[in-house]
Amino acid sequence: MNTLQTRLELQGAVQQWIDSFMQEYNVSPAMMDDALSKALLNIKELVIQEYLIAAQMASSNQQEDVEEVPDEQDNTNTAER
């Protein structure tokens, strides 16, 4: 399943859950807004953590690539001698 399709299905499922929850538990839009705002703040923190981990991994991979290049050059120079 592609990313766009997954996003659209997730958005639809969340909206259905919100509508159903509000109706079943007689939750006002203001109360739901408050609850979702708090949940979004928590999710945004997770997104930032995810981004930082991905950036750290990318930086680590770049460092590994840079460290491997001199080794390959040393082997080439040694073979030429």
N, C-alpha and C. Protein backbone atom coordinates (compact mmCIF):
# COMPACT_ATOMS: atom_id res chain seq x y z
N MET A 1 0.86 -1.17 0.00
CA MET A 1 0.00 0.00 0.00
C MET A 1 0.90 1.24 0.00
N ASN A 2 0.58 2.20 -0.83
CA ASN A 2 1.44 3.38 -0.88
C ASN A 2 1.13 4.35 0.26
N THR A 3 2.04 5.26 0.45
CA THR A 3 1.95 6.18 1.58
C THR A 3 0.71 7.07 1.52
N LEU A 4 0.40 7.58 0.34
CA LEU A 4 -0.78 8.45 0.22
C LEU A 4 -2.05 7.70 0.57
N GLN A 5 -2.19 6.49 0.08
CA GLN A 5 -3.37 5.69 0.37
C GLN A 5 -3.45 5.39 1.87
N THR A 6 -2.34 5.06 2.48
CA THR A 6 -2.31 4.79 3.92
C THR A 6 -2.72 6.02 4.71
N ARG A 7 -2.19 7.18 4.32
CA ARG A 7 -2.55 8.42 5.02
C ARG A 7 -4.04 8.70 4.93
N LEU A 8 -4.60 8.55 3.73
CA LEU A 8 -6.03 8.82 3.55
C LEU A 8 -6.89 7.86 4.35
N GLU A 9 -6.50 6.58 4.35
CA GLU A 9 -7.27 5.59 5.11
C GLU A 9 -7.16 5.87 6.62
N LEU A 10 -5.98 6.25 7.07
CA LEU A 10 -5.79 6.56 8.48
C LEU A 10 -6.61 7.78 8.88
N GLN A 11 -6.60 8.81 8.05
CA GLN A 11 -7.38 10.01 8.34
C GLN A 11 -8.87 9.69 8.42
N GLY A 12 -9.35 8.87 7.51
CA GLY A 12 -10.75 8.47 7.52
C GLY A 12 -11.11 7.66 8.75
N ALA A 13 -10.23 6.73 9.12
CA ALA A 13 -10.47 5.89 10.29
C ALA A 13 -10.48 6.72 11.57
N VAL A 14 -9.56 7.66 11.68
CA VAL A 14 -9.51 8.52 12.88
C VAL A 14 -10.77 9.38 12.96
N GLN A 15 -11.19 9.93 11.82
CA GLN A 15 -12.39 10.76 11.83
C GLN A 15 -13.63 9.95 12.22
N GLN A 16 -13.72 8.73 11.72
CA GLN A 16 -14.85 7.86 12.10
C GLN A 16 -14.81 7.55 13.59
N TRP A 17 -13.61 7.28 14.12
CA TRP A 17 -13.49 6.98 15.54
C TRP A 17 -13.91 8.19 16.37
N ILE A 18 -13.46 9.39 15.97
CA ILE A 18 -13.82 10.60 16.71
C ILE A 18 -15.33 10.79 16.72
N ASP A 19 -15.95 10.71 15.54
CA ASP A 19 -17.40 10.89 15.44
C ASP A 19 -18.14 9.87 16.30
N SER A 20 -17.72 8.61 16.22
CA SER A 20 -18.36 7.54 16.97
C SER A 20 -18.18 7.75 18.47
N PHE A 21 -16.97 8.09 18.90
CA PHE A 21 -16.68 8.29 20.31
C PHE A 21 -17.50 9.44 20.88
N MET A 22 -17.54 10.55 20.13
CA MET A 22 -18.30 11.71 20.61
C MET A 22 -19.77 11.37 20.77
N GLN A 23 -20.31 10.63 19.82
CA GLN A 23 -21.73 10.28 19.89
C GLN A 23 -21.99 9.28 21.02
N GLU A 24 -21.18 8.24 21.11
CA GLU A 24 -21.39 7.19 22.10
C GLU A 24 -21.26 7.71 23.53
N TYR A 25 -20.31 8.58 23.78
CA TYR A 25 -20.06 9.06 25.14
C TYR A 25 -20.55 10.47 25.39
N ASN A 26 -21.30 11.01 24.44
CA ASN A 26 -21.88 12.35 24.55
C ASN A 26 -20.82 13.39 24.91
N VAL A 27 -19.74 13.38 24.13
CA VAL A 27 -18.62 14.29 24.35
C VAL A 27 -18.82 15.52 23.47
N SER A 28 -18.67 16.69 24.06
CA SER A 28 -18.84 17.93 23.29
C SER A 28 -17.64 18.15 22.37
N PRO A 29 -17.84 18.90 21.31
CA PRO A 29 -16.71 19.22 20.42
C PRO A 29 -15.56 19.92 21.17
N ALA A 30 -15.89 20.78 22.13
CA ALA A 30 -14.85 21.47 22.90
C ALA A 30 -14.02 20.49 23.72
N MET A 31 -14.69 19.52 24.34
CA MET A 31 -13.97 18.51 25.13
C MET A 31 -13.10 17.64 24.22
N MET A 32 -13.63 17.28 23.06
CA MET A 32 -12.87 16.46 22.12
C MET A 32 -11.67 17.25 21.60
N ASP A 33 -11.88 18.52 21.32
CA ASP A 33 -10.78 19.37 20.86
C ASP A 33 -9.66 19.41 21.89
N ASP A 34 -10.03 19.57 23.15
CA ASP A 34 -9.06 19.61 24.23
C ASP A 34 -8.28 18.29 24.31
N ALA A 35 -9.01 17.19 24.26
CA ALA A 35 -8.37 15.88 24.36
C ALA A 35 -7.45 15.62 23.16
N LEU A 36 -7.90 15.97 21.97
CA LEU A 36 -7.09 15.74 20.78
C LEU A 36 -5.87 16.66 20.76
N SER A 37 -6.03 17.87 21.25
CA SER A 37 -4.89 18.80 21.31
C SER A 37 -3.79 18.25 22.21
N LYS A 38 -4.19 17.73 23.36
CA LYS A 38 -3.21 17.13 24.27
C LYS A 38 -2.55 15.93 23.63
N ALA A 39 -3.33 15.09 22.98
CA ALA A 39 -2.77 13.91 22.31
C ALA A 39 -1.82 14.33 21.19
N LEU A 40 -2.17 15.38 20.45
CA LEU A 40 -1.30 15.85 19.37
C LEU A 40 0.03 16.37 19.90
N LEU A 41 0.02 17.02 21.04
CA LEU A 41 1.28 17.47 21.64
C LEU A 41 2.19 16.29 21.94
N ASN A 42 1.60 15.23 22.47
CA ASN A 42 2.38 14.02 22.75
C ASN A 42 2.91 13.40 21.45
N ILE A 43 2.09 13.36 20.43
CA ILE A 43 2.50 12.79 19.16
C ILE A 43 3.60 13.64 18.52
N LYS A 44 3.48 14.96 18.62
CA LYS A 44 4.51 15.83 18.05
C LYS A 44 5.86 15.60 18.72
N GLU A 45 5.86 15.34 20.02
CA GLU A 45 7.11 15.01 20.71
C GLU A 45 7.70 13.72 20.15
N LEU A 46 6.84 12.73 19.88
CA LEU A 46 7.31 11.48 19.31
C LEU A 46 7.87 11.69 17.90
N VAL A 47 7.24 12.58 17.13
CA VAL A 47 7.71 12.88 15.79
C VAL A 47 9.10 13.52 15.85
N ILE A 48 9.29 14.43 16.79
CA ILE A 48 10.60 15.08 16.94
C ILE A 48 11.65 14.04 17.33
N GLN A 49 11.31 13.15 18.24
CA GLN A 49 12.24 12.08 18.63
C GLN A 49 12.58 11.21 17.44
N GLU A 50 11.57 10.85 16.66
CA GLU A 50 11.77 10.02 15.47
C GLU A 50 12.70 10.73 14.48
N TYR A 51 12.47 12.02 14.29
CA TYR A 51 13.31 12.79 13.37
C TYR A 51 14.76 12.84 13.87
N LEU A 52 14.94 13.10 15.16
CA LEU A 52 16.29 13.18 15.71
C LEU A 52 17.02 11.84 15.59
N ILE A 53 16.32 10.75 15.83
CA ILE A 53 16.92 9.42 15.70
C ILE A 53 17.33 9.16 14.25
N ALA A 54 16.44 9.53 13.31
CA ALA A 54 16.76 9.34 11.89
C ALA A 54 17.95 10.20 11.48
N ALA A 55 18.00 11.43 11.96
CA ALA A 55 19.12 12.32 11.63
C ALA A 55 20.42 11.79 12.23
N GLN A 56 20.34 11.27 13.44
CA GLN A 56 21.52 10.72 14.10
C GLN A 56 22.02 9.48 13.35
N MET A 57 21.10 8.64 12.92
CA MET A 57 21.48 7.44 12.18
C MET A 57 22.10 7.82 10.84
N ALA A 58 21.54 8.82 10.16
CA ALA A 58 22.08 9.26 8.88
C ALA A 58 23.49 9.82 9.08
N SER A 59 23.68 10.58 10.14
CA SER A 59 25.00 11.14 10.44
C SER A 59 26.00 10.02 10.75
N SER A 60 25.55 9.04 11.50
CA SER A 60 26.40 7.90 11.83
C SER A 60 26.78 7.12 10.58
N ASN A 61 25.83 6.92 9.68
CA ASN A 61 26.10 6.22 8.42
C ASN A 61 27.09 6.99 7.57
N GLN A 62 26.97 8.32 7.55
CA GLN A 62 27.91 9.14 6.78
C GLN A 62 29.31 9.02 7.37
N GLN A 63 29.41 9.02 8.68
CA GLN A 63 30.71 8.89 9.32
C GLN A 63 31.35 7.54 8.99
N GLU A 64 30.53 6.48 8.99
CA GLU A 64 31.03 5.15 8.64
C GLU A 64 31.53 5.13 7.21
N ASP A 65 30.80 5.79 6.30
CA ASP A 65 31.21 5.85 4.90
C ASP A 65 32.53 6.59 4.76
N VAL A 66 32.68 7.69 5.48
CA VAL A 66 33.91 8.47 5.42
C VAL A 66 35.07 7.67 5.98
N GLU A 67 34.85 6.94 7.04
CA GLU A 67 35.91 6.13 7.65
C GLU A 67 36.32 4.98 6.74
N GLU A 68 35.42 4.46 5.93
CA GLU A 68 35.73 3.35 5.04
C GLU A 68 36.55 3.81 3.84
N VAL A 69 36.37 5.02 3.37
CA VAL A 69 37.05 5.51 2.18
C VAL A 69 38.56 5.51 2.36
N PRO A 70 39.13 6.04 3.45
CA PRO A 70 40.59 6.00 3.59
C PRO A 70 41.14 4.57 3.60
N ASP A 71 40.43 3.63 4.17
CA ASP A 71 40.88 2.24 4.18
C ASP A 71 41.01 1.72 2.76
N GLU A 72 40.04 2.03 1.92
CA GLU A 72 40.09 1.58 0.54
C GLU A 72 41.24 2.24 -0.19
N GLN A 73 41.51 3.50 0.08
CA GLN A 73 42.62 4.20 -0.56
C GLN A 73 43.94 3.62 -0.09
N ASP A 74 44.04 3.30 1.18
CA ASP A 74 45.29 2.70 1.71
C ASP A 74 45.56 1.37 1.02
N ASN A 75 44.54 0.57 0.83
CA ASN A 75 44.70 -0.73 0.16
C ASN A 75 45.14 -0.54 -1.27
N THR A 76 44.62 0.47 -1.96
CA THR A 76 44.98 0.74 -3.33
C THR A 76 46.45 1.17 -3.41
N ASN A 77 46.84 2.06 -2.51
CA ASN A 77 48.22 2.54 -2.50
C ASN A 77 49.20 1.40 -2.19
N THR A 78 48.82 0.53 -1.29
CA THR A 78 49.68 -0.60 -0.93
C THR A 78 49.83 -1.55 -2.10
N ALA A 79 48.76 -1.77 -2.82
CA ALA A 79 48.79 -2.69 -3.95
C ALA A 79 49.64 -2.15 -5.08
N GLU A 80 49.70 -0.82 -5.23
CA GLU A 80 50.48 -0.22 -6.30
C GLU A 80 51.96 -0.31 -6.02
N ARG A 81 52.36 -0.36 -4.77
CA ARG A 81 53.78 -0.39 -4.40
C ARG A 81 54.35 -1.70 -4.69
